[in-house]
Protein backbone atom coordinates (compact mmCIF):
# COMPACT_ATOMS: atom_id res chain seq x y z
CA MET A 1 0.00 0.00 0.00
CA LYS A 2 1.35 3.44 -0.93
CA GLU A 3 2.50 5.20 2.21
CA SER A 4 1.93 8.63 0.63
CA PHE A 5 -1.81 7.99 0.58
CA TYR A 6 -1.82 7.65 4.38
CA THR A 7 -0.49 11.16 4.94
CA LYS A 8 -2.61 12.72 2.20
CA SER A 9 -5.70 10.86 3.41
CA CYS A 10 -5.23 11.99 7.02
CA GLU A 11 -4.72 15.60 6.03
CA PHE A 12 -7.70 15.55 3.68
CA ALA A 13 -9.93 13.83 6.25
CA VAL A 14 -9.29 16.60 8.79
CA LYS A 15 -10.11 19.25 6.18
CA ALA A 16 -13.29 17.41 5.11
CA PHE A 17 -14.48 16.87 8.70
CA ASN A 18 -13.94 20.52 9.63
CA TYR A 19 -16.00 21.66 6.66
CA LEU A 20 -18.81 19.07 6.88
CA ASN A 21 -19.29 19.08 10.66
CA THR A 22 -22.64 20.91 11.28
CA ARG A 23 -23.32 21.19 7.54
CA VAL A 24 -24.51 17.57 7.59
CA ASN A 25 -25.45 17.20 11.26
CA ARG A 26 -27.49 19.54 13.43
CA THR A 27 -25.39 18.90 16.56
CA ARG A 28 -21.66 19.65 16.32
CA ILE A 29 -19.24 16.79 17.00
CA PRO A 30 -16.53 18.27 19.27
CA PHE A 31 -13.76 15.72 18.66
CA PHE A 32 -12.31 13.96 15.61
CA GLN A 33 -9.61 11.29 15.54
CA LEU A 34 -7.94 9.11 12.95
CA ASP A 35 -7.22 5.39 13.18
CA THR A 36 -4.66 3.80 10.86
CA SER A 37 -4.68 0.27 12.27
CA PRO A 38 -6.64 -2.68 10.80
CA ASN A 39 -8.49 -3.40 14.03
CA ASN A 40 -11.92 -4.13 12.49
CA SER A 41 -13.91 -3.74 9.28
CA SER A 42 -15.47 -0.40 10.21
CA MET A 43 -14.48 2.70 8.23
CA GLY A 44 -15.79 5.06 10.87
CA HIS A 45 -18.03 5.53 13.89
CA VAL A 46 -19.27 8.15 16.34
CA VAL A 47 -19.21 7.35 20.07
CA ASN A 48 -19.73 9.80 22.95
CA GLY A 49 -19.16 12.89 20.84
CA VAL A 50 -16.01 11.54 19.18
CA MET A 51 -15.89 10.65 15.49
CA THR A 52 -13.25 8.12 14.48
CA LEU A 53 -12.23 7.53 10.88
CA ASN A 54 -10.25 4.41 10.01
CA ILE A 55 -7.93 5.46 7.19
CA HIS A 56 -6.44 1.97 6.84
CA ASN A 57 -9.84 0.40 6.16
CA ILE A 58 -10.83 3.16 3.74
CA LEU A 59 -7.64 2.58 1.72
CA GLU A 60 -8.20 -1.20 1.82
CA LEU A 61 -11.76 -0.79 0.53
CA ALA A 62 -10.51 1.38 -2.33
CA LYS A 63 -7.87 -1.22 -3.18
CA ASN A 64 -10.35 -4.14 -3.01
CA ASN A 65 -12.72 -2.28 -5.36
CA ASP A 66 -9.90 -1.60 -7.85
CA LYS A 67 -10.32 2.13 -7.24
CA TYR A 68 -7.00 2.74 -5.50
CA ASP A 69 -6.38 6.25 -6.80
CA TRP A 70 -6.42 9.60 -5.07
CA SER A 71 -9.62 10.81 -6.75
CA ASN A 72 -11.67 7.83 -5.55
CA ILE A 73 -10.04 7.79 -2.11
CA LYS A 74 -11.07 11.43 -1.61
CA GLY A 75 -14.63 10.55 -2.65
CA LEU A 76 -14.74 7.63 -0.23
CA ILE A 77 -13.43 9.76 2.65
CA ILE A 78 -16.11 12.38 1.97
CA LEU A 79 -18.87 9.74 1.84
CA THR A 80 -17.67 8.08 5.06
CA ILE A 81 -17.59 11.36 6.98
CA VAL A 82 -20.99 12.43 5.64
CA HIS A 83 -22.37 8.98 6.49
CA GLU A 84 -21.19 9.12 10.10
CA LEU A 85 -22.31 12.72 10.61
CA SER A 86 -25.69 11.89 9.09
CA HIS A 87 -26.25 9.19 11.74
CA ILE A 88 -26.40 11.99 14.32
CA ASN A 89 -29.59 13.29 12.72
CA GLN A 90 -31.33 9.92 12.98
CA ASN A 91 -33.65 8.90 15.79
CA ILE A 92 -32.04 5.57 16.69
CA ASP A 93 -32.93 3.05 19.37
CA TYR A 94 -29.36 1.93 20.05
CA ASP A 95 -30.38 -1.03 22.18
CA ARG A 96 -32.53 -2.35 19.34
CA PHE A 97 -29.88 -1.31 16.79
CA SER A 98 -27.37 -3.68 18.42
CA LYS A 99 -29.77 -6.63 18.66
CA ASP A 100 -32.23 -6.43 15.73
CA ASP A 101 -30.53 -7.12 12.37
CA ALA A 102 -33.52 -5.98 10.30
CA TYR A 103 -33.73 -2.71 12.24
CA HIS A 104 -29.95 -2.27 11.95
CA ASP A 105 -30.09 -2.73 8.16
CA LYS A 106 -33.01 -0.30 7.85
CA ILE A 107 -31.13 2.40 9.78
CA GLU A 108 -27.99 1.90 7.69
CA MET A 109 -29.92 1.92 4.40
CA GLU A 110 -31.78 5.11 5.30
CA ASN A 111 -28.54 6.75 6.41
CA HIS A 112 -26.68 5.72 3.25
CA TYR A 113 -29.55 7.23 1.27
CA ASN A 114 -29.21 10.45 3.27
CA ALA A 115 -25.44 10.57 2.75
CA LEU A 116 -25.69 9.99 -1.01
CA ASN A 117 -28.45 12.58 -1.24
CA PHE A 118 -26.25 15.14 0.51
CA ILE A 119 -23.24 14.45 -1.70
CA LEU A 120 -25.09 14.38 -5.02
CA ASN A 121 -27.32 17.34 -4.20
CA ARG A 122 -24.32 19.50 -3.22
CA GLU A 123 -21.84 18.07 -5.69
CA GLU A 124 -20.86 21.41 -7.25
CA GLU A 125 -20.31 22.95 -3.81
CA LEU A 126 -18.18 20.01 -2.63
CA HIS A 127 -16.04 20.05 -5.78
CA GLY A 128 -15.52 23.77 -5.25
CA VAL A 129 -14.32 23.17 -1.69
CA PHE A 130 -12.36 19.92 -2.07
CA GLY A 131 -11.28 20.07 -5.70
CA ASP A 132 -11.56 17.17 -8.11
CA TYR A 133 -12.70 13.86 -6.64
CA SER A 134 -14.59 10.84 -7.91
CA ASP A 135 -17.76 9.28 -6.54
CA ASP A 136 -17.40 6.19 -8.75
CA ILE A 137 -16.43 3.97 -5.83
CA CYS A 138 -19.30 5.37 -3.72
CA LEU A 139 -21.79 4.43 -6.44
CA ASP A 140 -20.25 0.95 -6.77
CA LEU A 141 -20.54 0.07 -3.08
CA GLU A 142 -22.77 -2.85 -2.09
CA LEU A 143 -24.95 -0.57 0.05
CA THR A 144 -25.50 1.73 -2.94
CA GLN A 145 -26.52 -1.25 -5.06
CA GLN A 146 -29.02 -2.24 -2.38
CA CYS A 147 -30.45 1.29 -2.53
CA LEU A 148 -30.84 0.94 -6.28
CA GLU A 149 -32.53 -2.44 -5.97
CA ASN A 150 -34.94 -1.32 -3.24
CA PRO A 151 -38.11 0.28 -4.72
CA GLN A 152 -38.20 2.65 -1.74
CA TYR A 153 -34.91 4.24 -2.86
CA LYS A 154 -34.44 3.32 -6.53
CA ASN A 155 -35.95 6.48 -7.99
CA SER A 156 -35.25 8.92 -5.20
CA TYR A 157 -31.79 8.33 -3.74
CA LYS A 158 -30.19 10.70 -6.24
CA MET A 159 -31.37 14.28 -6.35
CA ARG A 160 -33.18 15.26 -9.54
CA ASN A 161 -31.63 18.73 -9.63
CA THR A 162 -28.18 17.12 -9.93
CA ASP A 163 -29.39 15.52 -13.17
CA THR A 164 -30.68 18.90 -14.29
CA VAL A 165 -27.31 20.55 -13.65
CA ALA A 166 -25.62 17.83 -15.73
CA MET A 167 -28.03 18.09 -18.67
CA ILE A 168 -28.08 21.90 -18.74
CA THR A 169 -24.27 21.91 -18.77
CA MET A 170 -24.27 19.51 -21.73
CA VAL A 171 -26.92 21.54 -23.59
CA ASN A 172 -24.84 24.69 -23.06
CA MET A 173 -22.20 23.16 -25.30
CA PHE A 174 -24.62 24.05 -28.13
CA SER A 175 -24.97 27.80 -27.68
CA ASN A 176 -25.45 28.60 -31.37
CA VAL A 177 -28.61 26.56 -31.89
CA SER A 178 -32.26 27.48 -31.52
CA LYS A 179 -34.27 27.14 -28.34
CA ALA A 180 -36.24 24.31 -29.97
CA GLU A 181 -33.02 22.42 -30.80
CA ARG A 182 -31.73 22.88 -27.26
CA SER A 183 -34.99 21.48 -25.93
CA ARG A 184 -34.71 18.53 -28.31
CA ILE A 185 -31.15 17.77 -27.14
CA TYR A 186 -32.31 17.92 -23.53
CA THR A 187 -35.09 15.43 -24.27
CA LEU A 188 -32.69 13.11 -26.08
CA MET A 189 -30.41 13.05 -23.04
CA MET A 190 -33.30 12.35 -20.69
CA ASN A 191 -34.44 9.39 -22.79
CA ALA A 192 -31.01 7.96 -23.60
CA THR A 193 -29.88 4.85 -21.73
CA ARG A 194 -26.33 6.21 -21.67
CA VAL A 195 -24.65 9.46 -22.68
CA VAL A 196 -21.05 9.21 -23.87
CA VAL A 197 -18.52 11.91 -24.78
CA HIS A 198 -15.66 11.25 -27.23
CA TYR A 199 -12.87 13.72 -28.01
CA ARG A 200 -10.47 13.74 -30.95
CA GLU A 201 -8.26 16.39 -32.52
CA THR A 202 -9.81 16.10 -35.99
CA LYS A 203 -13.01 14.63 -37.38
CA GLU A 204 -11.06 11.80 -38.99
CA GLY A 205 -8.57 11.32 -36.17
CA PRO A 206 -8.57 8.63 -33.47
CA ILE A 207 -10.55 9.09 -30.26
CA LEU A 208 -8.11 10.46 -27.67
CA PHE A 209 -10.35 10.05 -24.65
CA SER A 210 -13.86 8.88 -23.91
CA ASP A 211 -16.10 9.23 -20.86
CA ILE A 212 -19.50 7.88 -19.88
CA VAL A 213 -21.27 10.87 -18.32
CA LYS A 214 -24.62 9.10 -17.81
CA ASP A 215 -24.58 5.37 -17.15
CA GLU A 216 -27.17 2.66 -17.72
CA ARG A 217 -28.52 3.18 -14.19
CA GLY A 218 -29.44 6.75 -15.04
CA ILE A 219 -26.68 8.24 -12.89
CA TRP A 220 -25.11 11.45 -14.20
CA TYR A 221 -21.43 12.10 -13.42
CA THR A 222 -21.38 15.89 -13.26
CA TYR A 223 -17.75 16.07 -12.15
CA LYS A 224 -16.77 14.35 -15.44
CA ILE A 225 -18.81 16.90 -17.40
CA PHE A 226 -17.17 19.77 -15.50
CA ASN A 227 -13.73 18.32 -16.28
CA ILE A 228 -14.64 18.05 -19.99
CA VAL A 229 -15.86 21.65 -20.03
CA LYS A 230 -12.65 22.84 -18.32
CA PHE A 231 -10.64 20.98 -20.97
CA LEU A 232 -12.68 22.43 -23.84
CA TYR A 233 -12.29 25.96 -22.50
CA LYS A 234 -8.53 25.64 -23.00
CA LEU A 235 -9.04 25.17 -26.74
CA PRO A 236 -9.33 28.12 -29.16
CA ALA A 237 -12.63 26.62 -30.35
CA TYR A 238 -14.30 23.25 -30.66
CA ASN A 239 -16.94 21.45 -32.69
CA ALA A 240 -19.75 19.37 -31.17
CA LEU A 241 -21.55 16.56 -32.94
CA ILE A 242 -24.35 14.52 -31.41
CA MET A 243 -25.90 11.29 -32.62
CA ALA A 244 -27.63 8.16 -31.39
CA GLU A 245 -25.74 4.89 -31.52
CA GLY A 246 -26.89 1.37 -30.83
CA GLY A 247 -30.46 2.55 -30.52
CA THR A 248 -30.08 3.61 -26.87
CA ASP A 249 -26.79 5.52 -26.44
CA LEU A 250 -26.46 9.24 -27.13
CA VAL A 251 -22.91 10.14 -28.14
CA PHE A 252 -21.27 13.57 -28.18
CA TYR A 253 -18.29 13.81 -30.52
CA MET A 254 -16.09 16.76 -29.57
CA THR A 255 -13.31 17.81 -31.96
CA ARG A 256 -10.85 20.68 -31.99
CA GLU A 257 -12.04 23.39 -34.37
CA GLU A 258 -9.00 24.53 -36.34
CA SER A 259 -8.68 28.28 -36.86
CA SER A 260 -5.98 30.38 -38.46
CA THR A 261 -6.79 33.21 -36.05
CA PRO A 262 -6.33 32.29 -32.37
CA ILE A 263 -9.36 33.22 -30.26
CA SER A 264 -8.14 32.06 -26.88
CA GLU A 265 -9.52 35.23 -25.34
CA ASN A 266 -12.96 33.94 -26.35
CA ALA A 267 -12.41 30.45 -24.99
CA GLY A 268 -15.60 28.48 -24.93
CA GLN A 269 -16.96 29.80 -28.23
CA TYR A 270 -17.56 27.04 -30.74
CA VAL A 271 -19.56 25.74 -33.65
CA ALA A 272 -22.27 23.18 -32.88
CA ASN A 273 -23.25 20.80 -35.64
CA ILE A 274 -26.26 18.62 -34.90
CA ILE A 275 -26.71 15.26 -36.59
CA ASN A 276 -30.28 14.07 -36.21
CA PRO A 277 -30.36 10.66 -34.50
CA GLN A 278 -31.92 7.91 -36.55
């Protein structure tokens, strides 16, 4: 295990706790401590006004999920802290919680829902505070999958306005089209099973990078869209093509728009060519 991640994780955890404490929970937690020993499987807990975060177990979970990179580790630390702080807001019968497995699972499921809701609803704010991080590992966790499979949470655990932010950002890549066309693009994204973005230097050139910004579960990855937009803004101009592929996927093809006159001072201006999906 990379030793550098221990130090970075501890420093980041303190920063995240200091920001999230009272933003998630109504009652401030006065003490925060870090545990780096593999003493149990817990990633964190709150006891008697002290929140403990087990950095070792967080790093192990990232490694076991093949997401052992700094972006995913940051996302997992944020989720764990939000999860533990969110427990404080719950009305829990702790005697029953320790003895009744069904009750225990219900409390954990509801709290995981609350934590995901907080993170996805305030995603832009959190990225502004903590910089780039990934919530891929958070969405891949077993507890998240249980939320998706449970009818009580399947359609509500992610905040709808997060989807709206993602789709509006994508539509804004087409500033030179009519209001009706923008509305049509928005509808296409809503109905698509997946939305994929490809980038290449020229129309005939190879794809240099590709990202799924909406997956088959209907989850939008707004941080990926923001990263794409930041990349595009560095170009003098770019060209956007959109088409349906495979009957269910909506694909954005982004290419560098060559220009003999640099317009870097107008970064973000571009030509949008729409190809009607078949």
